[in-house]
Amino acid sequence: MNCFQSIAATLLFLSLQLPAQDGLRFLEKRIAEDPDDFIAQTQYGSRCLDELRDTGRMEWLARAETAKRAAFKGITPEQNPGGVLLEGRIALAGHRFADALAAARLYRELQPEKPAGLRVLFDAQFEIGEYDAAAATLALLEKAQPHSVDAASRGMRLAWIHGRVAEAVRAAEECIAVAKVLTPPQPQVLAWCLVQRGELAFRMGDFPTADEHYTAALAVVPRGWSAQEHLAELRAAQERTDEALALLDEVIAATGRPELRQAAGDVAKAAGRAEDAQKWYEQALAGYTAGGALYRHHLAGFYCDAQPDYPAAIALAKADLVERKSIGAFDALAWALYLNGDIQDARAAAERAVATGTLDSHILHHAGLISISNGDLARGRELVQKSAEANPRQQTFHFHR
């Protein structure tokens, strides 16, 4: 172990012994005393990303970025591989997936024995739409970290993309089981696992199971923002509008996230509250615009369904596809093209969206309507039927994610 690694290990040990807020203050004090302490800057950036996950507030991403830049002031990647990993995580959070992929590959060169590099590598490959490569990375991660939340949660995502629903559910259940026995206890991780299982149930139209898991997540982390917004989506789908809006009011106040403002607008619009919906949409649009490329995907959907501007939606969806070729990105483009009347181009994009065998009901429904409009009634009916079978409540309310 060289001197840099020894210092890093000591600092990491000290900061990890402290509760989250105390750990942040410890690192902030170190940085204030010595802004050139690249190890402290790296650890602080990592803590900021944890805060982003736990609070939903995007300013933590900006703080992480600032810390990362400071961590590489006069320092090479070879001297600070942890900073390379931080760059990959920041790039993922900022939807710069090509940058995340490059950082993950570099970290793997520098620290091939560390599974953290596999986690970032898988996430980047998955978001870009390189699903075969992601599967190969997952196999390595499962070997390095068997029966772990890291491996099981990523297995869940990959299984869902390929329509292996039962496998996705088993992986989600494994996440919960593993998270429950982590030592020391990690309530934020357990709550996140419960929300993921609840979302799977919601996507399949199993509202009781979704409710059970969202409620359990809130019992573990009261007022957890992700569980609250997922529960709001469920309440809206159950036509419990006032409850949904009350939850969204609380989580918007806590996080300020524009996609949740759009969700509140969508709920209000569905309830016939046009004036309230417009207020939320204006706030969402301002947030999306300020967020730039981070919200390109959300803004494409916004211009399809909230405040229609189909040419703008098409341009945004195409720009998003430059960064990632996921099934969600192809679906967004297909839907924008369809609404704009570009049926043939929409058909091509929709077929790319369903090519993995996904049983995501909304993607299947979009592709079915597009095929029918393109004159292929048999294919369209097949996809619409698959959509209904995958989620009997497909036509109920859902948030744009």
Protein backbone atom coordinates (compact mmCIF):
# COMPACT_ATOMS: atom_id res chain seq x y z
CA MET A 1 0.00 0.00 0.00
CA ASN A 2 1.53 3.38 -1.01
CA CYS A 3 1.31 6.53 1.11
CA PHE A 4 -1.67 7.90 -0.81
CA GLN A 5 -3.61 4.68 -0.33
CA SER A 6 -2.67 4.57 3.36
CA ILE A 7 -3.94 8.11 3.95
CA ALA A 8 -7.09 7.39 1.95
CA ALA A 9 -7.79 4.25 3.93
CA THR A 10 -7.33 6.09 7.25
CA LEU A 11 -9.58 8.98 6.21
CA LEU A 12 -12.22 6.67 4.83
CA PHE A 13 -12.18 4.64 8.05
CA LEU A 14 -12.60 7.76 10.18
CA SER A 15 -15.41 9.24 8.07
CA LEU A 16 -17.32 5.97 7.81
CA GLN A 17 -17.40 5.53 11.56
CA LEU A 18 -19.59 8.63 11.80
CA PRO A 19 -23.31 9.06 11.09
CA ALA A 20 -24.04 10.64 7.71
CA GLN A 21 -24.34 14.25 8.88
CA ASP A 22 -21.37 13.96 11.23
CA GLY A 23 -19.34 12.40 8.44
CA LEU A 24 -20.19 15.30 6.15
CA ARG A 25 -19.18 17.84 8.79
CA PHE A 26 -15.94 15.95 9.44
CA LEU A 27 -15.03 16.08 5.75
CA GLU A 28 -16.17 19.69 5.34
CA LYS A 29 -13.86 20.66 8.20
CA ARG A 30 -10.95 18.84 6.57
CA ILE A 31 -11.62 20.58 3.25
CA ALA A 32 -11.93 23.99 4.90
CA GLU A 33 -8.56 23.45 6.59
CA ASP A 34 -6.89 22.15 3.43
CA PRO A 35 -8.77 22.59 0.11
CA ASP A 36 -5.96 20.69 -1.65
CA ASP A 37 -6.62 17.51 0.35
CA PHE A 38 -7.72 15.48 -2.65
CA ILE A 39 -8.58 12.46 -0.53
CA ALA A 40 -10.99 14.46 1.63
CA GLN A 41 -12.46 16.06 -1.49
CA THR A 42 -13.04 12.64 -3.03
CA GLN A 43 -14.69 11.26 0.09
CA TYR A 44 -16.82 14.38 0.43
CA GLY A 45 -17.97 14.05 -3.18
CA SER A 46 -19.02 10.47 -2.50
CA ARG A 47 -20.94 11.56 0.60
CA CYS A 48 -22.68 14.23 -1.48
CA LEU A 49 -23.94 11.57 -3.88
CA ASP A 50 -25.26 9.59 -0.92
CA GLU A 51 -27.13 12.72 0.17
CA LEU A 52 -28.51 13.13 -3.35
CA ARG A 53 -29.89 9.59 -3.15
CA ASP A 54 -31.31 10.04 0.32
CA THR A 55 -32.76 13.55 0.02
CA GLY A 56 -33.52 13.84 -3.69
CA ARG A 57 -32.11 17.36 -3.73
CA MET A 58 -30.11 18.05 -6.89
CA GLU A 59 -27.79 20.61 -5.30
CA TRP A 60 -25.88 17.68 -3.84
CA LEU A 61 -24.90 16.71 -7.39
CA ALA A 62 -23.39 20.16 -7.94
CA ARG A 63 -21.47 19.87 -4.66
CA ALA A 64 -20.15 16.46 -5.68
CA GLU A 65 -19.00 17.88 -9.01
CA THR A 66 -17.20 20.74 -7.27
CA ALA A 67 -15.48 18.30 -4.92
CA LYS A 68 -14.45 16.07 -7.81
CA ARG A 69 -12.84 18.97 -9.66
CA ALA A 70 -10.93 19.92 -6.53
CA ALA A 71 -9.86 16.31 -6.04
CA PHE A 72 -8.06 16.32 -9.40
CA LYS A 73 -6.31 19.67 -8.99
CA GLY A 74 -2.73 18.69 -9.79
CA ILE A 75 -3.53 15.01 -9.21
CA THR A 76 -3.49 12.20 -11.79
CA PRO A 77 -6.08 9.42 -12.03
CA GLU A 78 -3.37 6.93 -11.01
CA GLN A 79 -2.91 8.84 -7.74
CA ASN A 80 -6.63 9.02 -7.04
CA PRO A 81 -8.55 6.06 -8.46
CA GLY A 82 -11.33 6.82 -5.99
CA GLY A 83 -11.77 10.12 -7.78
CA VAL A 84 -12.16 8.26 -11.07
CA LEU A 85 -14.92 6.18 -9.51
CA LEU A 86 -16.52 9.37 -8.18
CA GLU A 87 -16.47 10.86 -11.68
CA GLY A 88 -18.29 7.78 -12.97
CA ARG A 89 -20.96 8.04 -10.29
CA ILE A 90 -21.39 11.78 -10.90
CA ALA A 91 -21.69 11.22 -14.63
CA LEU A 92 -24.39 8.60 -14.05
CA ALA A 93 -26.34 10.95 -11.79
CA GLY A 94 -26.00 13.71 -14.40
CA HIS A 95 -27.11 11.42 -17.26
CA ARG A 96 -23.70 11.67 -18.98
CA PHE A 97 -23.61 7.97 -19.65
CA ALA A 98 -20.72 7.89 -22.14
CA ASP A 99 -18.57 9.72 -19.59
CA ALA A 100 -19.68 7.26 -16.91
CA LEU A 101 -18.70 4.35 -19.13
CA ALA A 102 -15.25 5.83 -19.78
CA ALA A 103 -14.68 6.44 -16.07
CA ALA A 104 -15.78 2.93 -15.15
CA ARG A 105 -13.41 1.40 -17.68
CA LEU A 106 -10.52 3.50 -16.42
CA TYR A 107 -11.27 2.60 -12.82
CA ARG A 108 -11.33 -1.08 -13.79
CA GLU A 109 -7.85 -0.65 -15.25
CA LEU A 110 -6.61 1.04 -12.09
CA GLN A 111 -8.43 -1.15 -9.56
CA PRO A 112 -9.40 -4.39 -11.33
CA GLU A 113 -9.98 -6.22 -8.05
CA LYS A 114 -12.57 -3.73 -6.74
CA PRO A 115 -16.26 -4.57 -7.42
CA ALA A 116 -17.20 -0.89 -7.22
CA GLY A 117 -15.96 -0.51 -10.78
CA LEU A 118 -18.30 -3.27 -11.92
CA ARG A 119 -21.27 -1.48 -10.38
CA VAL A 120 -20.63 1.73 -12.27
CA LEU A 121 -19.75 -0.17 -15.45
CA PHE A 122 -23.03 -2.11 -15.36
CA ASP A 123 -25.07 1.02 -14.69
CA ALA A 124 -23.47 2.88 -17.59
CA GLN A 125 -23.90 -0.04 -20.01
CA PHE A 126 -27.50 -0.51 -18.93
CA GLU A 127 -28.42 3.14 -19.38
CA ILE A 128 -26.70 3.31 -22.76
CA GLY A 129 -28.68 0.27 -23.85
CA GLU A 130 -25.74 -2.14 -24.12
CA TYR A 131 -27.73 -4.91 -22.47
CA ASP A 132 -25.56 -7.83 -23.55
CA ALA A 133 -22.46 -6.11 -22.21
CA ALA A 134 -24.34 -5.29 -19.01
CA ALA A 135 -25.25 -8.96 -18.61
CA ALA A 136 -21.58 -9.94 -18.89
CA THR A 137 -20.66 -7.32 -16.29
CA LEU A 138 -23.44 -8.54 -14.01
CA ALA A 139 -21.99 -12.07 -14.14
CA LEU A 140 -18.67 -10.70 -12.89
CA LEU A 141 -20.40 -8.70 -10.17
CA GLU A 142 -22.40 -11.73 -9.02
CA LYS A 143 -19.15 -13.67 -8.74
CA ALA A 144 -17.47 -10.85 -6.79
CA GLN A 145 -20.48 -10.04 -4.59
CA PRO A 146 -22.85 -13.02 -4.50
CA HIS A 147 -26.14 -12.58 -2.66
CA SER A 148 -25.66 -8.82 -2.39
CA VAL A 149 -27.98 -5.87 -2.88
CA ASP A 150 -25.59 -4.55 -5.53
CA ALA A 151 -25.84 -7.69 -7.66
CA ALA A 152 -29.49 -8.56 -7.03
CA SER A 153 -30.81 -5.07 -7.74
CA ARG A 154 -29.00 -4.95 -11.05
CA GLY A 155 -30.19 -8.45 -11.88
CA MET A 156 -33.73 -7.25 -11.22
CA ARG A 157 -33.35 -4.37 -13.68
CA LEU A 158 -31.86 -6.55 -16.41
CA ALA A 159 -34.50 -9.27 -16.00
CA TRP A 160 -37.30 -6.68 -16.23
CA ILE A 161 -35.88 -5.21 -19.45
CA HIS A 162 -35.97 -8.66 -21.05
CA GLY A 163 -39.49 -9.50 -19.87
CA ARG A 164 -38.37 -12.07 -17.31
CA VAL A 165 -40.84 -10.83 -14.76
CA ALA A 166 -40.72 -13.73 -12.29
CA GLU A 167 -36.92 -13.50 -12.22
CA ALA A 168 -37.13 -9.75 -11.61
CA VAL A 169 -39.49 -10.30 -8.69
CA ARG A 170 -37.21 -12.97 -7.18
CA ALA A 171 -34.24 -10.61 -7.45
CA ALA A 172 -36.22 -7.80 -5.81
CA GLU A 173 -37.18 -10.11 -2.96
CA GLU A 174 -33.53 -11.11 -2.56
CA CYS A 175 -32.59 -7.42 -2.31
CA ILE A 176 -35.01 -6.98 0.56
CA ALA A 177 -33.87 -10.14 2.34
CA VAL A 178 -30.19 -9.13 2.11
CA ALA A 179 -30.87 -5.52 3.11
CA LYS A 180 -32.71 -6.65 6.24
CA VAL A 181 -29.61 -8.36 7.65
CA LEU A 182 -26.93 -5.83 6.71
CA THR A 183 -24.49 -5.09 9.52
CA PRO A 184 -24.56 -2.37 10.63
CA PRO A 185 -28.21 -1.79 9.66
CA GLN A 186 -28.69 0.43 6.61
CA PRO A 187 -32.30 1.66 6.68
CA GLN A 188 -31.90 3.79 3.56
CA VAL A 189 -30.82 0.75 1.58
CA LEU A 190 -33.68 -1.37 2.91
CA ALA A 191 -36.21 1.36 2.14
CA TRP A 192 -34.84 1.66 -1.39
CA CYS A 193 -35.17 -2.11 -1.92
CA LEU A 194 -38.77 -2.03 -0.69
CA VAL A 195 -39.61 0.79 -3.08
CA GLN A 196 -38.11 -1.14 -6.01
CA ARG A 197 -40.24 -4.17 -5.18
CA GLY A 198 -43.29 -1.95 -4.85
CA GLU A 199 -42.64 -0.35 -8.21
CA LEU A 200 -42.42 -3.76 -9.87
CA ALA A 201 -45.81 -4.62 -8.39
CA PHE A 202 -47.26 -1.30 -9.54
CA ARG A 203 -46.01 -1.88 -13.08
CA MET A 204 -47.83 -5.22 -13.07
CA GLY A 205 -51.06 -3.71 -11.75
CA ASP A 206 -50.71 -5.36 -8.34
CA PHE A 207 -51.74 -2.37 -6.25
CA PRO A 208 -52.04 -4.18 -2.87
CA THR A 209 -48.46 -5.45 -3.07
CA ALA A 210 -47.20 -2.05 -4.18
CA ASP A 211 -49.02 -0.40 -1.27
CA GLU A 212 -47.58 -2.94 1.17
CA HIS A 213 -43.99 -2.27 0.11
CA TYR A 214 -44.25 1.51 -0.14
CA THR A 215 -45.81 1.62 3.33
CA ALA A 216 -43.08 -0.67 4.67
CA ALA A 217 -40.42 1.61 3.18
CA LEU A 218 -41.94 4.62 4.94
CA ALA A 219 -41.96 2.68 8.20
CA VAL A 220 -38.21 2.10 7.80
CA VAL A 221 -37.40 5.68 6.69
CA PRO A 222 -40.29 7.96 7.63
CA ARG A 223 -40.96 10.63 5.00
CA GLY A 224 -38.46 9.04 2.63
CA TRP A 225 -38.90 11.03 -0.56
CA SER A 226 -38.78 8.14 -3.04
CA ALA A 227 -41.33 6.07 -1.13
CA GLN A 228 -43.58 9.12 -0.80
CA GLU A 229 -43.58 9.93 -4.50
CA HIS A 230 -44.17 6.31 -5.46
CA LEU A 231 -47.05 6.13 -2.98
CA ALA A 232 -48.43 9.33 -4.50
CA GLU A 233 -48.40 7.66 -7.92
CA LEU A 234 -50.29 4.70 -6.48
CA ARG A 235 -52.85 6.93 -4.76
CA ALA A 236 -53.44 8.80 -8.02
CA ALA A 237 -53.95 5.51 -9.84
CA GLN A 238 -56.46 4.57 -7.14
CA GLU A 239 -58.24 7.92 -7.78
CA ARG A 240 -57.39 9.09 -4.26
CA THR A 241 -56.43 12.45 -5.70
CA ASP A 242 -56.30 14.53 -2.54
CA GLU A 243 -53.97 12.04 -0.87
CA ALA A 244 -51.76 11.94 -3.94
CA LEU A 245 -51.48 15.72 -4.11
CA ALA A 246 -50.82 16.01 -0.37
CA LEU A 247 -47.94 13.55 -0.68
CA LEU A 248 -46.58 15.38 -3.70
CA ASP A 249 -46.83 18.75 -1.96
CA GLU A 250 -44.66 17.37 0.85
CA VAL A 251 -42.08 15.69 -1.34
CA ILE A 252 -41.81 18.68 -3.70
CA ALA A 253 -41.19 20.95 -0.72
CA ALA A 254 -38.47 18.54 0.44
CA THR A 255 -36.75 17.94 -2.92
CA GLY A 256 -37.75 20.69 -5.36
CA ARG A 257 -37.55 18.20 -8.22
CA PRO A 258 -39.22 19.34 -11.47
CA GLU A 259 -40.40 15.86 -12.49
CA LEU A 260 -42.47 15.75 -9.31
CA ARG A 261 -43.95 19.14 -10.16
CA GLN A 262 -45.00 17.68 -13.51
CA ALA A 263 -46.46 14.69 -11.67
CA ALA A 264 -48.51 17.05 -9.50
CA GLY A 265 -49.67 18.80 -12.65
CA ASP A 266 -50.66 15.49 -14.21
CA VAL A 267 -52.65 14.50 -11.11
CA ALA A 268 -54.38 17.88 -10.99
CA LYS A 269 -55.14 17.73 -14.72
CA ALA A 270 -56.64 14.24 -14.42
CA ALA A 271 -58.82 15.55 -11.57
CA GLY A 272 -60.08 18.43 -13.71
CA ARG A 273 -58.13 21.09 -11.82
CA ALA A 274 -56.77 22.87 -14.88
CA GLU A 275 -55.56 26.01 -13.09
CA ASP A 276 -53.57 24.02 -10.53
CA ALA A 277 -52.16 21.81 -13.28
CA GLN A 278 -50.95 24.81 -15.24
CA LYS A 279 -49.18 26.20 -12.17
CA TRP A 280 -47.32 22.95 -11.62
CA TYR A 281 -46.48 22.62 -15.33
CA GLU A 282 -44.96 26.09 -15.43
CA GLN A 283 -42.77 25.26 -12.46
CA ALA A 284 -41.79 21.90 -13.96
CA LEU A 285 -40.83 23.51 -17.27
CA ALA A 286 -38.66 26.06 -15.51
CA GLY A 287 -36.87 23.30 -13.63
CA TYR A 288 -36.41 21.16 -16.72
CA THR A 289 -35.01 24.08 -18.68
CA ALA A 290 -32.57 25.01 -15.92
CA GLY A 291 -31.43 21.38 -15.63
CA GLY A 292 -30.39 21.12 -19.28
CA ALA A 293 -29.38 17.68 -20.57
CA LEU A 294 -30.19 16.07 -17.22
CA TYR A 295 -33.92 16.44 -17.97
CA ARG A 296 -33.89 15.88 -21.72
CA HIS A 297 -35.84 12.62 -21.43
CA HIS A 298 -38.41 14.10 -19.05
CA LEU A 299 -38.87 17.18 -21.21
CA ALA A 300 -39.52 15.05 -24.29
CA GLY A 301 -42.37 13.38 -22.42
CA PHE A 302 -43.57 16.73 -21.10
CA TYR A 303 -43.92 18.06 -24.65
CA CYS A 304 -45.81 14.91 -25.65
CA ASP A 305 -48.38 14.75 -22.89
CA ALA A 306 -48.39 17.79 -20.59
CA GLN A 307 -47.96 20.76 -22.92
CA PRO A 308 -47.91 19.36 -26.47
CA ASP A 309 -45.10 20.52 -28.74
CA TYR A 310 -44.39 17.46 -30.82
CA PRO A 311 -41.49 18.81 -32.94
CA ALA A 312 -39.71 19.88 -29.73
CA ALA A 313 -40.39 16.46 -28.21
CA ILE A 314 -38.93 14.73 -31.27
CA ALA A 315 -35.78 16.88 -31.17
CA LEU A 316 -35.28 16.19 -27.47
CA ALA A 317 -35.89 12.45 -27.85
CA LYS A 318 -33.40 12.27 -30.71
CA ALA A 319 -30.83 14.15 -28.65
CA ASP A 320 -31.43 11.73 -25.78
CA LEU A 321 -30.79 8.80 -28.11
CA VAL A 322 -27.33 10.17 -28.88
CA GLU A 323 -26.47 9.64 -25.20
CA ARG A 324 -28.33 6.36 -24.65
CA LYS A 325 -30.08 3.80 -26.79
CA SER A 326 -32.24 2.26 -24.09
CA ILE A 327 -35.71 0.90 -24.70
CA GLY A 328 -37.11 3.88 -22.79
CA ALA A 329 -35.31 6.31 -25.09
CA PHE A 330 -36.63 4.54 -28.21
CA ASP A 331 -40.15 4.51 -26.76
CA ALA A 332 -39.96 8.27 -26.08
CA LEU A 333 -38.95 8.94 -29.68
CA ALA A 334 -41.58 6.55 -31.06
CA TRP A 335 -44.35 8.22 -29.08
CA ALA A 336 -43.30 11.74 -30.08
CA LEU A 337 -43.12 10.75 -33.76
CA TYR A 338 -46.51 9.04 -33.53
CA LEU A 339 -48.19 12.07 -32.00
CA ASN A 340 -46.63 14.22 -34.72
CA GLY A 341 -48.05 11.94 -37.43
CA ASP A 342 -44.72 10.43 -38.50
CA ILE A 343 -46.11 6.90 -38.36
CA GLN A 344 -43.46 4.98 -40.32
CA ASP A 345 -40.56 6.43 -38.38
CA ALA A 346 -42.51 5.88 -35.16
CA ARG A 347 -42.97 2.21 -36.08
CA ALA A 348 -39.23 1.70 -36.54
CA ALA A 349 -38.44 3.30 -33.17
CA ALA A 350 -41.23 1.37 -31.42
CA GLU A 351 -39.92 -1.95 -32.69
CA ARG A 352 -36.51 -1.06 -31.24
CA ALA A 353 -38.24 -0.32 -27.93
CA VAL A 354 -39.80 -3.79 -27.70
CA ALA A 355 -36.87 -5.72 -29.20
CA THR A 356 -35.57 -6.96 -25.84
CA GLY A 357 -38.81 -8.79 -25.09
CA THR A 358 -39.85 -6.27 -22.47
CA LEU A 359 -43.22 -6.65 -20.80
CA ASP A 360 -43.39 -3.00 -19.78
CA SER A 361 -47.07 -2.36 -20.39
CA HIS A 362 -46.75 1.28 -21.44
CA ILE A 363 -44.02 0.61 -23.98
CA LEU A 364 -46.04 -2.31 -25.39
CA HIS A 365 -49.21 -0.22 -25.54
CA HIS A 366 -47.46 2.60 -27.39
CA ALA A 367 -45.93 0.13 -29.85
CA GLY A 368 -49.31 -1.53 -30.39
CA LEU A 369 -51.10 1.71 -31.20
CA ILE A 370 -48.28 2.70 -33.55
CA SER A 371 -48.44 -0.64 -35.40
CA ILE A 372 -52.20 -0.35 -35.79
CA SER A 373 -51.85 3.18 -37.16
CA ASN A 374 -49.22 1.88 -39.56
CA GLY A 375 -51.70 -0.67 -40.91
CA ASP A 376 -50.26 -3.78 -39.26
CA LEU A 377 -53.37 -4.74 -37.32
CA ALA A 378 -52.17 -8.20 -36.33
CA ARG A 379 -48.93 -6.94 -34.81
CA GLY A 380 -50.73 -4.04 -33.15
CA ARG A 381 -53.36 -6.27 -31.54
CA GLU A 382 -50.65 -8.67 -30.36
CA LEU A 383 -48.77 -5.87 -28.62
CA VAL A 384 -51.88 -4.31 -27.09
CA GLN A 385 -52.94 -7.72 -25.77
CA LYS A 386 -49.47 -8.29 -24.29
CA SER A 387 -49.72 -4.90 -22.62
CA ALA A 388 -53.06 -5.75 -21.03
CA GLU A 389 -51.81 -9.13 -19.87
CA ALA A 390 -48.63 -7.63 -18.40
CA ASN A 391 -50.61 -5.03 -16.47
CA PRO A 392 -54.41 -5.27 -16.33
CA ARG A 393 -54.44 -1.73 -14.90
CA GLN A 394 -52.31 -0.32 -17.71
CA GLN A 395 -54.83 2.42 -18.44
CA THR A 396 -54.78 3.80 -14.89
CA PHE A 397 -52.72 6.81 -13.88
CA HIS A 398 -48.92 6.64 -13.82
CA PHE A 399 -46.04 9.11 -13.57
CA HIS A 400 -43.65 9.76 -16.40
CA ARG A 401 -40.29 8.26 -15.34
